[in-house]
Amino acid sequence: EVDKIIFVVTIHDAQARRQSFGQVSGAFIRLVNDDNQTEVARYDLTEDASTETAMLFGELYRHNGEWKFRAVGQGYAGGLASVCAQYGINAS
């Protein structure tokens, strides 16, 4: 049974292309109710992410039988591999 879903965005080949989220403007994540198209939750990336090549924008988690959304905004300079390492996942 799933208790948590994380929303991660990475920049493909960021190191080789010398790119980071510090060069991205207007990035956001939002959850939309598919039945009525209303926005349930939204998180705008506003922090300085000059070295980050992966971002954990938020997580959807189950608490007392209900789904909740938590904005995170955690940046990782090591790309997807560093996010996977934090969660004990092999990224290879």
PDB file of N, CA and C in Angstrom:
ATOM      1  N   GLU A   1       0.845  -1.183   0.000  1.00  0.00           N
ATOM      2  CA  GLU A   1       0.000   0.000   0.000  1.00  0.00           C
ATOM      3  C   GLU A   1       0.890   1.246   0.000  1.00  0.00           C
ATOM      4  N   VAL A   2       0.539   2.201  -0.804  1.00  0.00           N
ATOM      5  CA  VAL A   2       1.320   3.429  -0.942  1.00  0.00           C
ATOM      6  C   VAL A   2       0.906   4.424   0.135  1.00  0.00           C
ATOM      7  N   ASP A   3       1.901   4.984   0.827  1.00  0.00           N
ATOM      8  CA  ASP A   3       1.641   5.991   1.847  1.00  0.00           C
ATOM      9  C   ASP A   3       2.190   7.356   1.480  1.00  0.00           C
ATOM     10  N   LYS A   4       3.098   7.402   0.488  1.00  0.00           N
ATOM     11  CA  LYS A   4       3.704   8.677   0.121  1.00  0.00           C
ATOM     12  C   LYS A   4       4.118   8.656  -1.344  1.00  0.00           C
ATOM     13  N   ILE A   5       3.884   9.774  -2.022  1.00  0.00           N
ATOM     14  CA  ILE A   5       4.341   9.982  -3.395  1.00  0.00           C
ATOM     15  C   ILE A   5       5.128  11.281  -3.396  1.00  0.00           C
ATOM     16  N   ILE A   6       6.368  11.231  -3.879  1.00  0.00           N
ATOM     17  CA  ILE A   6       7.168  12.456  -3.936  1.00  0.00           C
ATOM     18  C   ILE A   6       7.212  12.966  -5.373  1.00  0.00           C
ATOM     19  N   PHE A   7       7.265  14.287  -5.508  1.00  0.00           N
ATOM     20  CA  PHE A   7       7.301  14.937  -6.813  1.00  0.00           C
ATOM     21  C   PHE A   7       8.666  15.585  -6.992  1.00  0.00           C
ATOM     22  N   VAL A   8       9.466  14.964  -7.850  1.00  0.00           N
ATOM     23  CA  VAL A   8      10.847  15.388  -8.075  1.00  0.00           C
ATOM     24  C   VAL A   8      11.000  15.815  -9.529  1.00  0.00           C
ATOM     25  N   VAL A   9      11.724  16.898  -9.721  1.00  0.00           N
ATOM     26  CA  VAL A   9      12.048  17.375 -11.064  1.00  0.00           C
ATOM     27  C   VAL A   9      13.563  17.474 -11.154  1.00  0.00           C
ATOM     28  N   THR A  10      14.121  16.989 -12.263  1.00  0.00           N
ATOM     29  CA  THR A  10      15.564  17.070 -12.471  1.00  0.00           C
ATOM     30  C   THR A  10      15.851  17.728 -13.813  1.00  0.00           C
ATOM     31  N   ILE A  11      17.066  18.210 -13.952  1.00  0.00           N
ATOM     32  CA  ILE A  11      17.530  18.754 -15.227  1.00  0.00           C
ATOM     33  C   ILE A  11      18.385  17.678 -15.881  1.00  0.00           C
ATOM     34  N   HIS A  12      17.963  17.219 -17.039  1.00  0.00           N
ATOM     35  CA  HIS A  12      18.675  16.151 -17.751  1.00  0.00           C
ATOM     36  C   HIS A  12      20.074  16.617 -18.144  1.00  0.00           C
ATOM     37  N   ASP A  13      21.070  15.806 -17.827  1.00  0.00           N
ATOM     38  CA  ASP A  13      22.476  16.115 -18.136  1.00  0.00           C
ATOM     39  C   ASP A  13      22.894  17.498 -17.634  1.00  0.00           C
ATOM     40  N   ALA A  14      22.418  17.857 -16.457  1.00  0.00           N
ATOM     41  CA  ALA A  14      22.666  19.202 -15.920  1.00  0.00           C
ATOM     42  C   ALA A  14      24.143  19.527 -15.789  1.00  0.00           C
ATOM     43  N   GLN A  15      24.932  18.584 -15.306  1.00  0.00           N
ATOM     44  CA  GLN A  15      26.353  18.868 -15.110  1.00  0.00           C
ATOM     45  C   GLN A  15      27.044  19.092 -16.454  1.00  0.00           C
ATOM     46  N   ALA A  16      26.775  18.229 -17.419  1.00  0.00           N
ATOM     47  CA  ALA A  16      27.405  18.365 -18.739  1.00  0.00           C
ATOM     48  C   ALA A  16      26.956  19.641 -19.445  1.00  0.00           C
ATOM     49  N   ARG A  17      25.714  20.037 -19.208  1.00  0.00           N
ATOM     50  CA  ARG A  17      25.168  21.227 -19.865  1.00  0.00           C
ATOM     51  C   ARG A  17      25.360  22.494 -19.034  1.00  0.00           C
ATOM     52  N   ARG A  18      25.946  22.306 -17.836  1.00  0.00           N
ATOM     53  CA  ARG A  18      26.194  23.422 -16.909  1.00  0.00           C
ATOM     54  C   ARG A  18      24.907  24.205 -16.611  1.00  0.00           C
ATOM     55  N   GLN A  19      23.891  23.454 -16.226  1.00  0.00           N
ATOM     56  CA  GLN A  19      22.601  24.054 -15.913  1.00  0.00           C
ATOM     57  C   GLN A  19      22.209  23.725 -14.481  1.00  0.00           C
ATOM     58  N   SER A  20      21.402  24.598 -13.897  1.00  0.00           N
ATOM     59  CA  SER A  20      20.871  24.386 -12.552  1.00  0.00           C
ATOM     60  C   SER A  20      19.510  25.058 -12.468  1.00  0.00           C
ATOM     61  N   PHE A  21      18.812  24.818 -11.366  1.00  0.00           N
ATOM     62  CA  PHE A  21      17.513  25.447 -11.181  1.00  0.00           C
ATOM     63  C   PHE A  21      17.630  26.946 -10.917  1.00  0.00           C
ATOM     64  N   GLY A  22      18.828  27.433 -10.679  1.00  0.00           N
ATOM     65  CA  GLY A  22      19.039  28.870 -10.560  1.00  0.00           C
ATOM     66  C   GLY A  22      18.759  29.596 -11.863  1.00  0.00           C
ATOM     67  N   GLN A  23      18.741  28.863 -12.967  1.00  0.00           N
ATOM     68  CA  GLN A  23      18.467  29.440 -14.281  1.00  0.00           C
ATOM     69  C   GLN A  23      16.999  29.290 -14.684  1.00  0.00           C
ATOM     70  N   VAL A  24      16.199  28.692 -13.820  1.00  0.00           N
ATOM     71  CA  VAL A  24      14.793  28.431 -14.124  1.00  0.00           C
ATOM     72  C   VAL A  24      13.926  29.449 -13.396  1.00  0.00           C
ATOM     73  N   SER A  25      13.008  30.053 -14.121  1.00  0.00           N
ATOM     74  CA  SER A  25      12.066  30.976 -13.472  1.00  0.00           C
ATOM     75  C   SER A  25      10.642  30.494 -13.732  1.00  0.00           C
ATOM     76  N   GLY A  26       9.779  30.798 -12.809  1.00  0.00           N
ATOM     77  CA  GLY A  26       8.369  30.453 -12.964  1.00  0.00           C
ATOM     78  C   GLY A  26       8.038  28.985 -12.752  1.00  0.00           C
ATOM     79  N   ALA A  27       8.918  28.228 -12.105  1.00  0.00           N
ATOM     80  CA  ALA A  27       8.654  26.801 -11.878  1.00  0.00           C
ATOM     81  C   ALA A  27       7.654  26.624 -10.736  1.00  0.00           C
ATOM     82  N   PHE A  28       6.735  25.692 -10.916  1.00  0.00           N
ATOM     83  CA  PHE A  28       5.756  25.405  -9.867  1.00  0.00           C
ATOM     84  C   PHE A  28       5.228  23.990 -10.040  1.00  0.00           C
ATOM     85  N   ILE A  29       4.591  23.518  -8.979  1.00  0.00           N
ATOM     86  CA  ILE A  29       3.875  22.250  -9.024  1.00  0.00           C
ATOM     87  C   ILE A  29       2.484  22.531  -8.485  1.00  0.00           C
ATOM     88  N   ARG A  30       1.500  21.855  -9.060  1.00  0.00           N
ATOM     89  CA  ARG A  30       0.144  22.016  -8.549  1.00  0.00           C
ATOM     90  C   ARG A  30      -0.613  20.713  -8.679  1.00  0.00           C
ATOM     91  N   LEU A  31      -1.547  20.514  -7.776  1.00  0.00           N
ATOM     92  CA  LEU A  31      -2.448  19.372  -7.813  1.00  0.00           C
ATOM     93  C   LEU A  31      -3.819  19.896  -8.197  1.00  0.00           C
ATOM     94  N   VAL A  32      -4.434  19.243  -9.169  1.00  0.00           N
ATOM     95  CA  VAL A  32      -5.729  19.681  -9.673  1.00  0.00           C
ATOM     96  C   VAL A  32      -6.735  18.547  -9.513  1.00  0.00           C
ATOM     97  N   ASN A  33      -7.911  18.875  -8.988  1.00  0.00           N
ATOM     98  CA  ASN A  33      -9.003  17.919  -8.887  1.00  0.00           C
ATOM     99  C   ASN A  33      -9.518  17.658 -10.298  1.00  0.00           C
ATOM    100  N   ASP A  34      -9.353  16.442 -10.777  1.00  0.00           N
ATOM    101  CA  ASP A  34      -9.726  16.104 -12.149  1.00  0.00           C
ATOM    102  C   ASP A  34     -11.234  16.188 -12.384  1.00  0.00           C
ATOM    103  N   ASP A  35     -12.028  16.020 -11.328  1.00  0.00           N
ATOM    104  CA  ASP A  35     -13.482  16.060 -11.485  1.00  0.00           C
ATOM    105  C   ASP A  35     -13.999  17.450 -11.825  1.00  0.00           C
ATOM    106  N   ASN A  36     -13.465  18.477 -11.137  1.00  0.00           N
ATOM    107  CA  ASN A  36     -13.989  19.835 -11.351  1.00  0.00           C
ATOM    108  C   ASN A  36     -12.926  20.840 -11.779  1.00  0.00           C
ATOM    109  N   GLN A  37     -11.705  20.357 -12.031  1.00  0.00           N
ATOM    110  CA  GLN A  37     -10.592  21.181 -12.515  1.00  0.00           C
ATOM    111  C   GLN A  37     -10.183  22.307 -11.557  1.00  0.00           C
ATOM    112  N   THR A  38     -10.465  22.147 -10.269  1.00  0.00           N
ATOM    113  CA  THR A  38     -10.029  23.152  -9.299  1.00  0.00           C
ATOM    114  C   THR A  38      -8.641  22.803  -8.778  1.00  0.00           C
ATOM    115  N   GLU A  39      -7.871  23.836  -8.506  1.00  0.00           N
ATOM    116  CA  GLU A  39      -6.527  23.662  -7.972  1.00  0.00           C
ATOM    117  C   GLU A  39      -6.630  23.362  -6.481  1.00  0.00           C
ATOM    118  N   VAL A  40      -6.104  22.216  -6.073  1.00  0.00           N
ATOM    119  CA  VAL A  40      -6.170  21.782  -4.681  1.00  0.00           C
ATOM    120  C   VAL A  40      -4.982  22.312  -3.895  1.00  0.00           C
ATOM    121  N   ALA A  41      -3.803  22.271  -4.498  1.00  0.00           N
ATOM    122  CA  ALA A  41      -2.587  22.748  -3.841  1.00  0.00           C
ATOM    123  C   ALA A  41      -1.617  23.239  -4.910  1.00  0.00           C
ATOM    124  N   ARG A  42      -0.779  24.214  -4.525  1.00  0.00           N
ATOM    125  CA  ARG A  42       0.215  24.751  -5.452  1.00  0.00           C
ATOM    126  C   ARG A  42       1.445  25.182  -4.661  1.00  0.00           C
ATOM    127  N   TYR A  43       2.613  24.947  -5.243  1.00  0.00           N
ATOM    128  CA  TYR A  43       3.864  25.394  -4.653  1.00  0.00           C
ATOM    129  C   TYR A  43       4.691  26.041  -5.755  1.00  0.00           C
ATOM    130  N   ASP A  44       5.082  27.296  -5.544  1.00  0.00           N
ATOM    131  CA  ASP A  44       5.921  28.032  -6.483  1.00  0.00           C
ATOM    132  C   ASP A  44       7.360  28.005  -5.994  1.00  0.00           C
ATOM    133  N   LEU A  45       8.293  27.663  -6.876  1.00  0.00           N
ATOM    134  CA  LEU A  45       9.708  27.663  -6.534  1.00  0.00           C
ATOM    135  C   LEU A  45      10.201  29.099  -6.558  1.00  0.00           C
ATOM    136  N   THR A  46      10.519  29.632  -5.380  1.00  0.00           N
ATOM    137  CA  THR A  46      10.963  31.019  -5.298  1.00  0.00           C
ATOM    138  C   THR A  46      12.343  31.153  -4.682  1.00  0.00           C
ATOM    139  N   GLU A  47      12.842  30.087  -4.086  1.00  0.00           N
ATOM    140  CA  GLU A  47      14.136  30.181  -3.411  1.00  0.00           C
ATOM    141  C   GLU A  47      15.280  30.160  -4.417  1.00  0.00           C
ATOM    142  N   ASP A  48      16.434  30.620  -3.981  1.00  0.00           N
ATOM    143  CA  ASP A  48      17.629  30.573  -4.815  1.00  0.00           C
ATOM    144  C   ASP A  48      18.096  29.126  -4.903  1.00  0.00           C
ATOM    145  N   ALA A  49      18.161  28.619  -6.110  1.00  0.00           N
ATOM    146  CA  ALA A  49      18.577  27.232  -6.327  1.00  0.00           C
ATOM    147  C   ALA A  49      19.743  27.220  -7.308  1.00  0.00           C
ATOM    148  N   SER A  50      20.741  28.024  -7.011  1.00  0.00           N
ATOM    149  CA  SER A  50      21.817  28.263  -7.970  1.00  0.00           C
ATOM    150  C   SER A  50      22.666  27.038  -8.285  1.00  0.00           C
ATOM    151  N   THR A  51      22.736  26.066  -7.379  1.00  0.00           N
ATOM    152  CA  THR A  51      23.557  24.882  -7.646  1.00  0.00           C
ATOM    153  C   THR A  51      22.733  23.604  -7.769  1.00  0.00           C
ATOM    154  N   GLU A  52      21.456  23.678  -7.504  1.00  0.00           N
ATOM    155  CA  GLU A  52      20.622  22.479  -7.483  1.00  0.00           C
ATOM    156  C   GLU A  52      20.283  22.001  -8.897  1.00  0.00           C
ATOM    157  N   THR A  53      20.418  20.697  -9.103  1.00  0.00           N
ATOM    158  CA  THR A  53      20.086  20.084 -10.387  1.00  0.00           C
ATOM    159  C   THR A  53      18.903  19.128 -10.261  1.00  0.00           C
ATOM    160  N   ALA A  54      18.400  18.981  -9.040  1.00  0.00           N
ATOM    161  CA  ALA A  54      17.187  18.213  -8.768  1.00  0.00           C
ATOM    162  C   ALA A  54      16.420  18.950  -7.680  1.00  0.00           C
ATOM    163  N   MET A  55      15.101  18.908  -7.776  1.00  0.00           N
ATOM    164  CA  MET A  55      14.256  19.563  -6.777  1.00  0.00           C
ATOM    165  C   MET A  55      13.149  18.618  -6.348  1.00  0.00           C
ATOM    166  N   LEU A  56      13.016  18.467  -5.040  1.00  0.00           N
ATOM    167  CA  LEU A  56      11.872  17.771  -4.469  1.00  0.00           C
ATOM    168  C   LEU A  56      10.845  18.864  -4.192  1.00  0.00           C
ATOM    169  N   PHE A  57       9.871  18.993  -5.083  1.00  0.00           N
ATOM    170  CA  PHE A  57       8.895  20.076  -4.964  1.00  0.00           C
ATOM    171  C   PHE A  57       7.907  19.828  -3.836  1.00  0.00           C
ATOM    172  N   GLY A  58       7.431  18.599  -3.714  1.00  0.00           N
ATOM    173  CA  GLY A  58       6.444  18.327  -2.685  1.00  0.00           C
ATOM    174  C   GLY A  58       6.180  16.850  -2.551  1.00  0.00           C
ATOM    175  N   GLU A  59       5.327  16.528  -1.596  1.00  0.00           N
ATOM    176  CA  GLU A  59       4.956  15.133  -1.392  1.00  0.00           C
ATOM    177  C   GLU A  59       3.481  15.031  -1.046  1.00  0.00           C
ATOM    178  N   LEU A  60       2.882  14.005  -1.574  1.00  0.00           N
ATOM    179  CA  LEU A  60       1.507  13.656  -1.277  1.00  0.00           C
ATOM    180  C   LEU A  60       1.599  12.479  -0.321  1.00  0.00           C
ATOM    181  N   TYR A  61       0.995  12.590   0.851  1.00  0.00           N
ATOM    182  CA  TYR A  61       1.131  11.521   1.843  1.00  0.00           C
ATOM    183  C   TYR A  61      -0.204  11.233   2.512  1.00  0.00           C
ATOM    184  N   ARG A  62      -0.317  10.019   2.995  1.00  0.00           N
ATOM    185  CA  ARG A  62      -1.542   9.596   3.666  1.00  0.00           C
ATOM    186  C   ARG A  62      -1.374   9.785   5.167  1.00  0.00           C
ATOM    187  N   HIS A  63      -2.341  10.469   5.780  1.00  0.00           N
ATOM    188  CA  HIS A  63      -2.324  10.706   7.222  1.00  0.00           C
ATOM    189  C   HIS A  63      -3.731  10.467   7.757  1.00  0.00           C
ATOM    190  N   ASN A  64      -3.845   9.503   8.669  1.00  0.00           N
ATOM    191  CA  ASN A  64      -5.147   9.135   9.241  1.00  0.00           C
ATOM    192  C   ASN A  64      -6.184   8.847   8.158  1.00  0.00           C
ATOM    193  N   GLY A  65      -5.750   8.148   7.112  1.00  0.00           N
ATOM    194  CA  GLY A  65      -6.663   7.748   6.054  1.00  0.00           C
ATOM    195  C   GLY A  65      -6.963   8.807   5.011  1.00  0.00           C
ATOM    196  N   GLU A  66      -6.410  10.002   5.168  1.00  0.00           N
ATOM    197  CA  GLU A  66      -6.646  11.081   4.206  1.00  0.00           C
ATOM    198  C   GLU A  66      -5.349  11.452   3.511  1.00  0.00           C
ATOM    199  N   TRP A  67      -5.457  11.847   2.244  1.00  0.00           N
ATOM    200  CA  TRP A  67      -4.286  12.308   1.502  1.00  0.00           C
ATOM    201  C   TRP A  67      -4.068  13.782   1.760  1.00  0.00           C
ATOM    202  N   LYS A  68      -2.824  14.143   2.027  1.00  0.00           N
ATOM    203  CA  LYS A  68      -2.428  15.532   2.291  1.00  0.00           C
ATOM    204  C   LYS A  68      -1.274  15.878   1.360  1.00  0.00           C
ATOM    205  N   PHE A  69      -1.100  17.168   1.070  1.00  0.00           N
ATOM    206  CA  PHE A  69       0.024  17.629   0.262  1.00  0.00           C
ATOM    207  C   PHE A  69       0.895  18.532   1.113  1.00  0.00           C
ATOM    208  N   ARG A  70       2.210  18.317   1.021  1.00  0.00           N
ATOM    209  CA  ARG A  70       3.164  19.160   1.738  1.00  0.00           C
ATOM    210  C   ARG A  70       4.167  19.704   0.737  1.00  0.00           C
ATOM    211  N   ALA A  71       4.277  21.021   0.679  1.00  0.00           N
ATOM    212  CA  ALA A  71       5.300  21.653  -0.149  1.00  0.00           C
ATOM    213  C   ALA A  71       6.646  21.455   0.529  1.00  0.00           C
ATOM    214  N   VAL A  72       7.671  21.084  -0.244  1.00  0.00           N
ATOM    215  CA  VAL A  72       8.985  20.809   0.326  1.00  0.00           C
ATOM    216  C   VAL A  72      10.012  21.821  -0.164  1.00  0.00           C
ATOM    217  N   GLY A  73      10.245  21.890  -1.457  1.00  0.00           N
ATOM    218  CA  GLY A  73      11.215  22.838  -2.007  1.00  0.00           C
ATOM    219  C   GLY A  73      12.653  22.525  -1.654  1.00  0.00           C
ATOM    220  N   GLN A  74      12.997  21.246  -1.539  1.00  0.00           N
ATOM    221  CA  GLN A  74      14.356  20.823  -1.198  1.00  0.00           C
ATOM    222  C   GLN A  74      15.166  20.631  -2.465  1.00  0.00           C
ATOM    223  N   GLY A  75      16.289  21.332  -2.562  1.00  0.00           N
ATOM    224  CA  GLY A  75      17.155  21.204  -3.724  1.00  0.00           C
ATOM    225  C   GLY A  75      18.292  20.230  -3.478  1.00  0.00           C
ATOM    226  N   TYR A  76      18.772  19.617  -4.544  1.00  0.00           N
ATOM    227  CA  TYR A  76      19.879  18.667  -4.492  1.00  0.00           C
ATOM    228  C   TYR A  76      20.865  19.011  -5.598  1.00  0.00           C
ATOM    229  N   ALA A  77      22.124  19.179  -5.246  1.00  0.00           N
ATOM    230  CA  ALA A  77      23.152  19.492  -6.241  1.00  0.00           C
ATOM    231  C   ALA A  77      23.605  18.253  -6.994  1.00  0.00           C
ATOM    232  N   GLY A  78      23.293  17.070  -6.504  1.00  0.00           N
ATOM    233  CA  GLY A  78      23.760  15.829  -7.118  1.00  0.00           C
ATOM    234  C   GLY A  78      22.779  15.171  -8.061  1.00  0.00           C
ATOM    235  N   GLY A  79      21.764  15.894  -8.501  1.00  0.00           N
ATOM    236  CA  GLY A  79      20.806  15.335  -9.447  1.00  0.00           C
ATOM    237  C   GLY A  79      19.932  14.252  -8.847  1.00  0.00           C
ATOM    238  N   LEU A  80      19.341  13.463  -9.730  1.00  0.00           N
ATOM    239  CA  LEU A  80      18.416  12.412  -9.312  1.00  0.00           C
ATOM    240  C   LEU A  80      19.076  11.395  -8.387  1.00  0.00           C
ATOM    241  N   ALA A  81      20.345  11.099  -8.615  1.00  0.00           N
ATOM    242  CA  ALA A  81      21.050  10.121  -7.771  1.00  0.00           C
ATOM    243  C   ALA A  81      21.054  10.544  -6.311  1.00  0.00           C
ATOM    244  N   SER A  82      21.196  11.830  -6.037  1.00  0.00           N
ATOM    245  CA  SER A  82      21.220  12.286  -4.643  1.00  0.00           C
ATOM    246  C   SER A  82      19.839  12.199  -3.999  1.00  0.00           C
ATOM    247  N   VAL A  83      18.791  12.425  -4.772  1.00  0.00           N
ATOM    248  CA  VAL A  83      17.432  12.273  -4.240  1.00  0.00           C
ATOM    249  C   VAL A  83      17.175  10.799  -3.938  1.00  0.00           C
ATOM    250  N   CYS A  84      17.522   9.938  -4.874  1.00  0.00           N
ATOM    251  CA  CYS A  84      17.327   8.499  -4.683  1.00  0.00           C
ATOM    252  C   CYS A  84      18.091   7.993  -3.468  1.00  0.00           C
ATOM    253  N   ALA A  85      19.310   8.473  -3.286  1.00  0.00           N
ATOM    254  CA  ALA A  85      20.121   8.054  -2.140  1.00  0.00           C
ATOM    255  C   ALA A  85      19.438   8.406  -0.826  1.00  0.00           C
ATOM    256  N   GLN A  86      18.801   9.563  -0.757  1.00  0.00           N
ATOM    257  CA  GLN A  86      18.113   9.966   0.471  1.00  0.00           C
ATOM    258  C   GLN A  86      16.963   9.019   0.798  1.00  0.00           C
ATOM    259  N   TYR A  87      16.326   8.472  -0.229  1.00  0.00           N
ATOM    260  CA  TYR A  87      15.182   7.585  -0.024  1.00  0.00           C
ATOM    261  C   TYR A  87      15.553   6.106  -0.111  1.00  0.00           C
ATOM    262  N   GLY A  88      16.859   5.809  -0.189  1.00  0.00           N
ATOM    263  CA  GLY A  88      17.308   4.426  -0.211  1.00  0.00           C
ATOM    264  C   GLY A  88      17.002   3.691  -1.505  1.00  0.00           C
ATOM    265  N   ILE A  89      16.966   4.433  -2.604  1.00  0.00           N
ATOM    266  CA  ILE A  89      16.662   3.856  -3.916  1.00  0.00           C
ATOM    267  C   ILE A  89      17.931   3.851  -4.756  1.00  0.00           C
ATOM    268  N   ASN A  90      18.166   2.758  -5.479  1.00  0.00           N
ATOM    269  CA  ASN A  90      19.309   2.674  -6.380  1.00  0.00           C
ATOM    270  C   ASN A  90      18.946   3.363  -7.691  1.00  0.00           C
ATOM    271  N   ALA A  91      19.671   4.408  -8.059  1.00  0.00           N
ATOM    272  CA  ALA A  91      19.345   5.207  -9.242  1.00  0.00           C
ATOM    273  C   ALA A  91      19.962   4.683 -10.525  1.00  0.00           C
ATOM    274  N   SER A  92      20.725   3.612 -10.467  1.00  0.00           N
ATOM    275  CA  SER A  92      21.395   3.153 -11.694  1.00  0.00           C
ATOM    276  C   SER A  92      20.529   2.317 -12.588  1.00  0.00           C
TER     277      SER A  92
END
